[in-house]
PDB file of N, CA and C in Angstrom:
ATOM      1  N   MET A   1     -22.324  15.629 -16.485  1.00  0.00           N
ATOM      2  CA  MET A   1     -23.500  16.272 -15.678  1.00  0.00           C
ATOM      3  C   MET A   1     -23.266  15.732 -14.316  1.00  0.00           C
ATOM      4  N   ASN A   2     -23.285  16.627 -13.314  1.00  0.00           N
ATOM      5  CA  ASN A   2     -23.098  16.466 -11.942  1.00  0.00           C
ATOM      6  C   ASN A   2     -24.156  15.618 -11.343  1.00  0.00           C
ATOM      7  N   ALA A   3     -23.786  14.786 -10.252  1.00  0.00           N
ATOM      8  CA  ALA A   3     -24.941  13.839  -9.742  1.00  0.00           C
ATOM      9  C   ALA A   3     -25.970  14.725  -9.220  1.00  0.00           C
ATOM     10  N   ARG A   4     -25.748  15.842  -8.629  1.00  0.00           N
ATOM     11  CA  ARG A   4     -26.868  16.510  -7.835  1.00  0.00           C
ATOM     12  C   ARG A   4     -27.613  17.259  -8.997  1.00  0.00           C
ATOM     13  N   ASP A   5     -27.100  17.397 -10.100  1.00  0.00           N
ATOM     14  CA  ASP A   5     -27.955  17.935 -11.311  1.00  0.00           C
ATOM     15  C   ASP A   5     -28.790  16.926 -11.906  1.00  0.00           C
ATOM     16  N   VAL A   6     -28.636  15.645 -11.814  1.00  0.00           N
ATOM     17  CA  VAL A   6     -29.361  14.572 -12.402  1.00  0.00           C
ATOM     18  C   VAL A   6     -30.610  14.455 -11.648  1.00  0.00           C
ATOM     19  N   ILE A   7     -30.465  14.301 -10.224  1.00  0.00           N
ATOM     20  CA  ILE A   7     -31.728  14.122  -9.342  1.00  0.00           C
ATOM     21  C   ILE A   7     -32.249  15.505  -8.873  1.00  0.00           C
ATOM     22  N   LYS A   8     -33.417  15.739  -9.337  1.00  0.00           N
ATOM     23  CA  LYS A   8     -34.089  17.062  -9.044  1.00  0.00           C
ATOM     24  C   LYS A   8     -34.781  16.990  -7.658  1.00  0.00           C
ATOM     25  N   ARG A   9     -35.785  16.064  -7.397  1.00  0.00           N
ATOM     26  CA  ARG A   9     -36.299  16.041  -6.151  1.00  0.00           C
ATOM     27  C   ARG A   9     -37.172  14.716  -6.125  1.00  0.00           C
ATOM     28  N   PRO A  10     -37.316  14.280  -4.773  1.00  0.00           N
ATOM     29  CA  PRO A  10     -38.127  12.934  -4.704  1.00  0.00           C
ATOM     30  C   PRO A  10     -39.572  13.307  -4.991  1.00  0.00           C
ATOM     31  N   ILE A  11     -40.320  12.411  -5.387  1.00  0.00           N
ATOM     32  CA  ILE A  11     -41.857  12.516  -5.632  1.00  0.00           C
ATOM     33  C   ILE A  11     -42.435  11.753  -4.635  1.00  0.00           C
ATOM     34  N   ILE A  12     -43.208  12.546  -3.769  1.00  0.00           N
ATOM     35  CA  ILE A  12     -43.943  12.021  -2.581  1.00  0.00           C
ATOM     36  C   ILE A  12     -45.391  12.082  -3.004  1.00  0.00           C
ATOM     37  N   THR A  13     -45.880  10.883  -3.277  1.00  0.00           N
ATOM     38  CA  THR A  13     -47.426  10.575  -3.415  1.00  0.00           C
ATOM     39  C   THR A  13     -47.762   9.377  -2.570  1.00  0.00           C
ATOM     40  N   GLU A  14     -49.118   9.248  -2.596  1.00  0.00           N
ATOM     41  CA  GLU A  14     -49.550   7.913  -1.880  1.00  0.00           C
ATOM     42  C   GLU A  14     -48.952   6.588  -2.422  1.00  0.00           C
ATOM     43  N   ALA A  15     -48.871   6.622  -3.659  1.00  0.00           N
ATOM     44  CA  ALA A  15     -48.305   5.279  -4.338  1.00  0.00           C
ATOM     45  C   ALA A  15     -46.921   5.242  -4.098  1.00  0.00           C
ATOM     46  N   SER A  16     -46.123   6.330  -4.287  1.00  0.00           N
ATOM     47  CA  SER A  16     -44.646   6.238  -4.116  1.00  0.00           C
ATOM     48  C   SER A  16     -44.301   5.896  -2.622  1.00  0.00           C
ATOM     49  N   VAL A  17     -45.018   6.356  -1.641  1.00  0.00           N
ATOM     50  CA  VAL A  17     -44.817   6.111  -0.241  1.00  0.00           C
ATOM     51  C   VAL A  17     -44.959   4.660   0.029  1.00  0.00           C
ATOM     52  N   LEU A  18     -46.072   4.049  -0.564  1.00  0.00           N
ATOM     53  CA  LEU A  18     -46.432   2.566  -0.375  1.00  0.00           C
ATOM     54  C   LEU A  18     -45.158   1.784  -0.962  1.00  0.00           C
ATOM     55  N   ALA A  19     -44.625   2.266  -2.097  1.00  0.00           N
ATOM     56  CA  ALA A  19     -43.677   1.531  -2.829  1.00  0.00           C
ATOM     57  C   ALA A  19     -42.349   1.444  -2.126  1.00  0.00           C
ATOM     58  N   MET A  20     -42.128   2.404  -1.217  1.00  0.00           N
ATOM     59  CA  MET A  20     -40.888   2.601  -0.386  1.00  0.00           C
ATOM     60  C   MET A  20     -40.716   1.344   0.519  1.00  0.00           C
ATOM     61  N   ASP A  21     -41.838   0.633   1.026  1.00  0.00           N
ATOM     62  CA  ASP A  21     -41.758  -0.608   1.668  1.00  0.00           C
ATOM     63  C   ASP A  21     -41.117  -1.758   0.936  1.00  0.00           C
ATOM     64  N   GLU A  22     -41.103  -1.636  -0.472  1.00  0.00           N
ATOM     65  CA  GLU A  22     -40.492  -2.682  -1.203  1.00  0.00           C
ATOM     66  C   GLU A  22     -39.148  -2.132  -1.763  1.00  0.00           C
ATOM     67  N   LYS A  23     -38.588  -1.051  -1.141  1.00  0.00           N
ATOM     68  CA  LYS A  23     -37.274  -0.516  -1.509  1.00  0.00           C
ATOM     69  C   LYS A  23     -37.365   0.033  -2.825  1.00  0.00           C
ATOM     70  N   LYS A  24     -38.467   0.738  -3.164  1.00  0.00           N
ATOM     71  CA  LYS A  24     -38.575   1.427  -4.480  1.00  0.00           C
ATOM     72  C   LYS A  24     -38.831   2.869  -4.167  1.00  0.00           C
ATOM     73  N   TYR A  25     -37.989   3.721  -4.693  1.00  0.00           N
ATOM     74  CA  TYR A  25     -38.058   5.223  -4.492  1.00  0.00           C
ATOM     75  C   TYR A  25     -38.282   5.932  -5.813  1.00  0.00           C
ATOM     76  N   THR A  26     -39.033   6.839  -5.840  1.00  0.00           N
ATOM     77  CA  THR A  26     -39.420   7.667  -7.051  1.00  0.00           C
ATOM     78  C   THR A  26     -38.795   8.983  -6.973  1.00  0.00           C
ATOM     79  N   PHE A  27     -38.083   9.388  -8.039  1.00  0.00           N
ATOM     80  CA  PHE A  27     -37.541  10.688  -8.062  1.00  0.00           C
ATOM     81  C   PHE A  27     -37.744  11.385  -9.413  1.00  0.00           C
ATOM     82  N   GLU A  28     -37.819  12.807  -9.265  1.00  0.00           N
ATOM     83  CA  GLU A  28     -37.911  13.450 -10.558  1.00  0.00           C
ATOM     84  C   GLU A  28     -36.494  13.734 -11.046  1.00  0.00           C
ATOM     85  N   VAL A  29     -36.087  13.406 -12.314  1.00  0.00           N
ATOM     86  CA  VAL A  29     -34.796  13.568 -12.812  1.00  0.00           C
ATOM     87  C   VAL A  29     -34.615  14.344 -14.058  1.00  0.00           C
ATOM     88  N   ASP A  30     -33.424  14.899 -14.466  1.00  0.00           N
ATOM     89  CA  ASP A  30     -33.243  15.753 -15.515  1.00  0.00           C
ATOM     90  C   ASP A  30     -33.738  14.934 -16.775  1.00  0.00           C
ATOM     91  N   VAL A  31     -34.395  15.821 -17.830  1.00  0.00           N
ATOM     92  CA  VAL A  31     -34.913  15.132 -18.839  1.00  0.00           C
ATOM     93  C   VAL A  31     -33.864  14.601 -19.774  1.00  0.00           C
ATOM     94  N   ARG A  32     -32.653  14.943 -19.545  1.00  0.00           N
ATOM     95  CA  ARG A  32     -31.490  14.487 -20.436  1.00  0.00           C
ATOM     96  C   ARG A  32     -30.927  13.145 -19.847  1.00  0.00           C
ATOM     97  N   ALA A  33     -31.297  12.713 -18.653  1.00  0.00           N
ATOM     98  CA  ALA A  33     -30.551  11.674 -17.884  1.00  0.00           C
ATOM     99  C   ALA A  33     -31.072  10.354 -18.321  1.00  0.00           C
ATOM    100  N   ASN A  34     -30.174   9.411 -18.454  1.00  0.00           N
ATOM    101  CA  ASN A  34     -30.409   8.107 -18.912  1.00  0.00           C
ATOM    102  C   ASN A  34     -30.343   7.233 -17.586  1.00  0.00           C
ATOM    103  N   LYS A  35     -30.694   5.878 -17.667  1.00  0.00           N
ATOM    104  CA  LYS A  35     -30.575   4.889 -16.694  1.00  0.00           C
ATOM    105  C   LYS A  35     -29.208   4.837 -15.966  1.00  0.00           C
ATOM    106  N   THR A  36     -28.225   4.756 -16.749  1.00  0.00           N
ATOM    107  CA  THR A  36     -26.914   4.728 -16.175  1.00  0.00           C
ATOM    108  C   THR A  36     -26.533   5.924 -15.262  1.00  0.00           C
ATOM    109  N   LEU A  37     -26.832   7.083 -15.830  1.00  0.00           N
ATOM    110  CA  LEU A  37     -26.605   8.453 -15.069  1.00  0.00           C
ATOM    111  C   LEU A  37     -27.426   8.338 -13.799  1.00  0.00           C
ATOM    112  N   VAL A  38     -28.615   8.026 -13.849  1.00  0.00           N
ATOM    113  CA  VAL A  38     -29.520   7.915 -12.642  1.00  0.00           C
ATOM    114  C   VAL A  38     -28.874   7.053 -11.595  1.00  0.00           C
ATOM    115  N   ARG A  39     -28.539   5.832 -11.977  1.00  0.00           N
ATOM    116  CA  ARG A  39     -27.950   4.868 -11.083  1.00  0.00           C
ATOM    117  C   ARG A  39     -26.722   5.311 -10.517  1.00  0.00           C
ATOM    118  N   GLN A  40     -25.902   6.018 -11.192  1.00  0.00           N
ATOM    119  CA  GLN A  40     -24.575   6.398 -10.560  1.00  0.00           C
ATOM    120  C   GLN A  40     -24.864   7.647  -9.678  1.00  0.00           C
ATOM    121  N   ALA A  41     -25.924   8.465 -10.005  1.00  0.00           N
ATOM    122  CA  ALA A  41     -26.091   9.504  -9.202  1.00  0.00           C
ATOM    123  C   ALA A  41     -26.779   9.098  -7.876  1.00  0.00           C
ATOM    124  N   ILE A  42     -27.676   8.184  -7.715  1.00  0.00           N
ATOM    125  CA  ILE A  42     -28.295   7.646  -6.638  1.00  0.00           C
ATOM    126  C   ILE A  42     -27.271   7.053  -5.820  1.00  0.00           C
ATOM    127  N   GLU A  43     -26.346   6.211  -6.328  1.00  0.00           N
ATOM    128  CA  GLU A  43     -25.494   5.469  -5.548  1.00  0.00           C
ATOM    129  C   GLU A  43     -24.372   6.550  -4.961  1.00  0.00           C
ATOM    130  N   GLU A  44     -24.071   7.559  -5.778  1.00  0.00           N
ATOM    131  CA  GLU A  44     -23.085   8.610  -5.272  1.00  0.00           C
ATOM    132  C   GLU A  44     -23.661   9.546  -4.104  1.00  0.00           C
ATOM    133  N   VAL A  45     -24.910  10.019  -4.197  1.00  0.00           N
ATOM    134  CA  VAL A  45     -25.482  10.840  -3.312  1.00  0.00           C
ATOM    135  C   VAL A  45     -26.005  10.266  -2.179  1.00  0.00           C
ATOM    136  N   PHE A  46     -26.682   9.125  -2.286  1.00  0.00           N
ATOM    137  CA  PHE A  46     -27.311   8.430  -1.050  1.00  0.00           C
ATOM    138  C   PHE A  46     -26.318   7.232  -0.415  1.00  0.00           C
ATOM    139  N   GLY A  47     -25.453   6.948  -1.097  1.00  0.00           N
ATOM    140  CA  GLY A  47     -24.552   5.816  -0.749  1.00  0.00           C
ATOM    141  C   GLY A  47     -25.279   4.341  -0.570  1.00  0.00           C
ATOM    142  N   VAL A  48     -26.091   4.129  -1.545  1.00  0.00           N
ATOM    143  CA  VAL A  48     -26.820   2.852  -1.420  1.00  0.00           C
ATOM    144  C   VAL A  48     -26.526   2.003  -2.782  1.00  0.00           C
ATOM    145  N   GLU A  49     -26.891   0.878  -2.898  1.00  0.00           N
ATOM    146  CA  GLU A  49     -26.627  -0.085  -3.887  1.00  0.00           C
ATOM    147  C   GLU A  49     -28.019  -0.166  -4.829  1.00  0.00           C
ATOM    148  N   VAL A  50     -27.896   0.114  -5.966  1.00  0.00           N
ATOM    149  CA  VAL A  50     -29.076   0.143  -6.831  1.00  0.00           C
ATOM    150  C   VAL A  50     -29.225  -1.188  -7.616  1.00  0.00           C
ATOM    151  N   LYS A  51     -30.475  -1.710  -7.579  1.00  0.00           N
ATOM    152  CA  LYS A  51     -30.756  -3.056  -8.208  1.00  0.00           C
ATOM    153  C   LYS A  51     -31.227  -2.819  -9.704  1.00  0.00           C
ATOM    154  N   SER A  52     -32.143  -1.856  -9.837  1.00  0.00           N
ATOM    155  CA  SER A  52     -32.586  -1.489 -11.188  1.00  0.00           C
ATOM    156  C   SER A  52     -33.171  -0.227 -11.188  1.00  0.00           C
ATOM    157  N   VAL A  53     -33.343   0.518 -12.412  1.00  0.00           N
ATOM    158  CA  VAL A  53     -33.828   1.752 -12.609  1.00  0.00           C
ATOM    159  C   VAL A  53     -34.933   1.788 -13.875  1.00  0.00           C
ATOM    160  N   ASN A  54     -36.082   2.230 -13.432  1.00  0.00           N
ATOM    161  CA  ASN A  54     -37.131   2.425 -14.550  1.00  0.00           C
ATOM    162  C   ASN A  54     -37.395   3.857 -14.706  1.00  0.00           C
ATOM    163  N   ILE A  55     -37.490   4.231 -15.826  1.00  0.00           N
ATOM    164  CA  ILE A  55     -37.547   5.634 -16.297  1.00  0.00           C
ATOM    165  C   ILE A  55     -38.867   5.893 -17.173  1.00  0.00           C
ATOM    166  N   MET A  56     -39.642   6.925 -16.815  1.00  0.00           N
ATOM    167  CA  MET A  56     -40.747   7.307 -17.710  1.00  0.00           C
ATOM    168  C   MET A  56     -40.758   8.781 -17.956  1.00  0.00           C
ATOM    169  N   ASN A  57     -41.320   9.242 -19.081  1.00  0.00           N
ATOM    170  CA  ASN A  57     -41.321  10.559 -19.534  1.00  0.00           C
ATOM    171  C   ASN A  57     -42.839  11.007 -19.220  1.00  0.00           C
ATOM    172  N   VAL A  58     -42.994  12.219 -18.635  1.00  0.00           N
ATOM    173  CA  VAL A  58     -44.431  12.789 -18.376  1.00  0.00           C
ATOM    174  C   VAL A  58     -44.571  13.870 -19.268  1.00  0.00           C
ATOM    175  N   ARG A  59     -45.548  13.913 -20.154  1.00  0.00           N
ATOM    176  CA  ARG A  59     -45.728  15.056 -20.850  1.00  0.00           C
ATOM    177  C   ARG A  59     -46.197  16.259 -20.239  1.00  0.00           C
ATOM    178  N   GLY A  60     -46.014  17.465 -20.835  1.00  0.00           N
ATOM    179  CA  GLY A  60     -46.632  18.702 -20.150  1.00  0.00           C
ATOM    180  C   GLY A  60     -48.099  18.641 -20.383  1.00  0.00           C
ATOM    181  N   LYS A  61     -48.737  19.284 -19.339  1.00  0.00           N
ATOM    182  CA  LYS A  61     -50.272  19.256 -19.485  1.00  0.00           C
ATOM    183  C   LYS A  61     -50.581  20.759 -20.095  1.00  0.00           C
ATOM    184  N   PHE A  62     -51.753  20.667 -20.836  1.00  0.00           N
ATOM    185  CA  PHE A  62     -52.317  21.844 -21.551  1.00  0.00           C
ATOM    186  C   PHE A  62     -52.877  22.706 -20.408  1.00  0.00           C
ATOM    187  N   LYS A  63     -52.577  23.973 -20.197  1.00  0.00           N
ATOM    188  CA  LYS A  63     -53.162  24.935 -19.154  1.00  0.00           C
ATOM    189  C   LYS A  63     -53.466  26.327 -20.051  1.00  0.00           C
ATOM    190  N   ARG A  64     -54.541  26.805 -19.482  1.00  0.00           N
ATOM    191  CA  ARG A  64     -54.972  28.085 -19.928  1.00  0.00           C
ATOM    192  C   ARG A  64     -55.123  29.180 -18.895  1.00  0.00           C
ATOM    193  N   VAL A  65     -54.761  30.292 -18.993  1.00  0.00           N
ATOM    194  CA  VAL A  65     -54.979  31.453 -18.043  1.00  0.00           C
ATOM    195  C   VAL A  65     -55.542  32.493 -18.781  1.00  0.00           C
ATOM    196  N   GLY A  66     -56.833  32.737 -18.831  1.00  0.00           N
ATOM    197  CA  GLY A  66     -57.636  33.629 -19.600  1.00  0.00           C
ATOM    198  C   GLY A  66     -57.528  33.383 -20.958  1.00  0.00           C
ATOM    199  N   LYS A  67     -57.075  34.152 -21.870  1.00  0.00           N
ATOM    200  CA  LYS A  67     -56.930  34.006 -23.188  1.00  0.00           C
ATOM    201  C   LYS A  67     -55.564  33.397 -23.632  1.00  0.00           C
ATOM    202  N   TYR A  68     -54.598  33.247 -22.724  1.00  0.00           N
ATOM    203  CA  TYR A  68     -53.357  32.662 -22.825  1.00  0.00           C
ATOM    204  C   TYR A  68     -53.172  31.107 -22.657  1.00  0.00           C
ATOM    205  N   ALA A  69     -52.617  30.432 -23.629  1.00  0.00           N
ATOM    206  CA  ALA A  69     -52.678  29.042 -23.358  1.00  0.00           C
ATOM    207  C   ALA A  69     -51.350  28.545 -23.629  1.00  0.00           C
ATOM    208  N   GLY A  70     -50.957  27.349 -22.986  1.00  0.00           N
ATOM    209  CA  GLY A  70     -49.595  26.788 -23.142  1.00  0.00           C
ATOM    210  C   GLY A  70     -49.477  25.581 -22.395  1.00  0.00           C
ATOM    211  N   TYR A  71     -48.334  25.059 -22.358  1.00  0.00           N
ATOM    212  CA  TYR A  71     -48.085  23.771 -21.745  1.00  0.00           C
ATOM    213  C   TYR A  71     -47.263  23.771 -20.448  1.00  0.00           C
ATOM    214  N   THR A  72     -47.434  23.034 -19.390  1.00  0.00           N
ATOM    215  CA  THR A  72     -46.502  22.989 -18.361  1.00  0.00           C
ATOM    216  C   THR A  72     -45.193  22.257 -18.673  1.00  0.00           C
ATOM    217  N   LYS A  73     -44.255  22.354 -18.028  1.00  0.00           N
ATOM    218  CA  LYS A  73     -42.981  21.653 -18.473  1.00  0.00           C
ATOM    219  C   LYS A  73     -43.025  20.199 -18.438  1.00  0.00           C
ATOM    220  N   LYS A  74     -42.373  19.544 -19.458  1.00  0.00           N
ATOM    221  CA  LYS A  74     -42.358  18.057 -19.490  1.00  0.00           C
ATOM    222  C   LYS A  74     -41.276  17.663 -18.218  1.00  0.00           C
ATOM    223  N   ARG A  75     -41.674  16.377 -17.831  1.00  0.00           N
ATOM    224  CA  ARG A  75     -40.615  16.130 -16.734  1.00  0.00           C
ATOM    225  C   ARG A  75     -40.321  14.600 -17.021  1.00  0.00           C
ATOM    226  N   ARG A  76     -39.505  13.926 -16.233  1.00  0.00           N
ATOM    227  CA  ARG A  76     -38.918  12.690 -16.381  1.00  0.00           C
ATOM    228  C   ARG A  76     -38.914  12.075 -14.831  1.00  0.00           C
ATOM    229  N   LYS A  77     -39.464  10.799 -14.838  1.00  0.00           N
ATOM    230  CA  LYS A  77     -39.528  10.193 -13.416  1.00  0.00           C
ATOM    231  C   LYS A  77     -38.709   8.982 -13.488  1.00  0.00           C
ATOM    232  N   ALA A  78     -38.064   8.694 -12.396  1.00  0.00           N
ATOM    233  CA  ALA A  78     -37.181   7.465 -12.225  1.00  0.00           C
ATOM    234  C   ALA A  78     -37.639   6.726 -11.051  1.00  0.00           C
ATOM    235  N   ILE A  79     -37.967   5.519 -11.202  1.00  0.00           N
ATOM    236  CA  ILE A  79     -38.337   4.558 -10.090  1.00  0.00           C
ATOM    237  C   ILE A  79     -37.024   3.734  -9.833  1.00  0.00           C
ATOM    238  N   VAL A  80     -36.422   3.836  -8.748  1.00  0.00           N
ATOM    239  CA  VAL A  80     -35.208   3.281  -8.341  1.00  0.00           C
ATOM    240  C   VAL A  80     -35.492   2.119  -7.307  1.00  0.00           C
ATOM    241  N   THR A  81     -35.224   0.950  -7.687  1.00  0.00           N
ATOM    242  CA  THR A  81     -35.067  -0.205  -6.884  1.00  0.00           C
ATOM    243  C   THR A  81     -33.874  -0.541  -6.178  1.00  0.00           C
ATOM    244  N   LEU A  82     -33.659  -0.593  -4.932  1.00  0.00           N
ATOM    245  CA  LEU A  82     -32.526  -0.920  -4.193  1.00  0.00           C
ATOM    246  C   LEU A  82     -32.468  -2.411  -3.823  1.00  0.00           C
ATOM    247  N   THR A  83     -31.189  -2.990  -3.808  1.00  0.00           N
ATOM    248  CA  THR A  83     -30.811  -4.285  -3.462  1.00  0.00           C
ATOM    249  C   THR A  83     -31.429  -4.692  -1.997  1.00  0.00           C
ATOM    250  N   GLU A  84     -31.682  -5.861  -1.652  1.00  0.00           N
ATOM    251  CA  GLU A  84     -32.167  -6.349  -0.438  1.00  0.00           C
ATOM    252  C   GLU A  84     -31.122  -5.845   0.589  1.00  0.00           C
ATOM    253  N   SER A  85     -29.921  -6.047   0.375  1.00  0.00           N
ATOM    254  CA  SER A  85     -28.733  -5.703   1.353  1.00  0.00           C
ATOM    255  C   SER A  85     -28.449  -4.258   1.522  1.00  0.00           C
ATOM    256  N   SER A  86     -28.986  -3.457   0.688  1.00  0.00           N
ATOM    257  CA  SER A  86     -28.657  -2.018   0.708  1.00  0.00           C
ATOM    258  C   SER A  86     -29.558  -1.344   1.803  1.00  0.00           C
ATOM    259  N   LYS A  87     -28.912  -0.259   2.454  1.00  0.00           N
ATOM    260  CA  LYS A  87     -29.682   0.419   3.339  1.00  0.00           C
ATOM    261  C   LYS A  87     -30.833   1.356   2.726  1.00  0.00           C
ATOM    262  N   ASP A  88     -31.714   1.683   3.555  1.00  0.00           N
ATOM    263  CA  ASP A  88     -32.893   2.568   2.917  1.00  0.00           C
ATOM    264  C   ASP A  88     -32.462   4.067   2.886  1.00  0.00           C
ATOM    265  N   ILE A  89     -33.059   4.723   1.860  1.00  0.00           N
ATOM    266  CA  ILE A  89     -32.858   6.166   1.747  1.00  0.00           C
ATOM    267  C   ILE A  89     -33.718   6.855   2.625  1.00  0.00           C
ATOM    268  N   GLU A  90     -33.185   7.752   3.441  1.00  0.00           N
ATOM    269  CA  GLU A  90     -33.895   8.407   4.477  1.00  0.00           C
ATOM    270  C   GLU A  90     -34.482   9.737   3.724  1.00  0.00           C
ATOM    271  N   ILE A  91     -35.561   9.786   3.107  1.00  0.00           N
ATOM    272  CA  ILE A  91     -36.173  10.839   2.697  1.00  0.00           C
ATOM    273  C   ILE A  91     -36.826  11.794   3.641  1.00  0.00           C
ATOM    274  N   PHE A  92     -37.412  11.100   4.639  1.00  0.00           N
ATOM    275  CA  PHE A  92     -38.171  11.889   5.837  1.00  0.00           C
ATOM    276  C   PHE A  92     -37.125  11.863   7.006  1.00  0.00           C
ATOM    277  N   GLU A  93     -36.097  12.598   6.910  1.00  0.00           N
ATOM    278  CA  GLU A  93     -35.303  12.629   8.101  1.00  0.00           C
ATOM    279  C   GLU A  93     -35.683  13.552   9.191  1.00  0.00           C
ATOM    280  N   SER A  94     -35.484  13.325  10.380  1.00  0.00           N
ATOM    281  CA  SER A  94     -35.793  13.967  11.517  1.00  0.00           C
ATOM    282  C   SER A  94     -34.585  14.472  12.222  1.00  0.00           C
ATOM    283  N   ASN A  95     -34.480  15.652  12.786  1.00  0.00           N
ATOM    284  CA  ASN A  95     -33.302  16.049  13.548  1.00  0.00           C
ATOM    285  C   ASN A  95     -33.598  15.864  15.147  1.00  0.00           C
ATOM    286  N   ASP A  96     -34.112  14.741  15.387  1.00  0.00           N
ATOM    287  CA  ASP A  96     -34.245  14.641  16.852  1.00  0.00           C
ATOM    288  C   ASP A  96     -33.055  14.190  17.647  1.00  0.00           C
TER     289      ASP A  96
END
């Protein structure tokens, strides 16, 4: 699996932005990815040193549109903690 296939997108919420001060970054990752794959992908794509990776599965929610019912896609979130000596990941890059 390619490193860019493992990491889908960063998750930007109030809680995840506050955790960035502690060098913890939250990403949505492929549902087949494990901690080792996520660690290698983050280090390769962003050029940082990873201290730890925590992964959680998010179930799909039940949704209904008229008489049709189903579930949204299940997801997998990874919280990546960087080492103290590592540089920060620039999620909000500006082209100034």
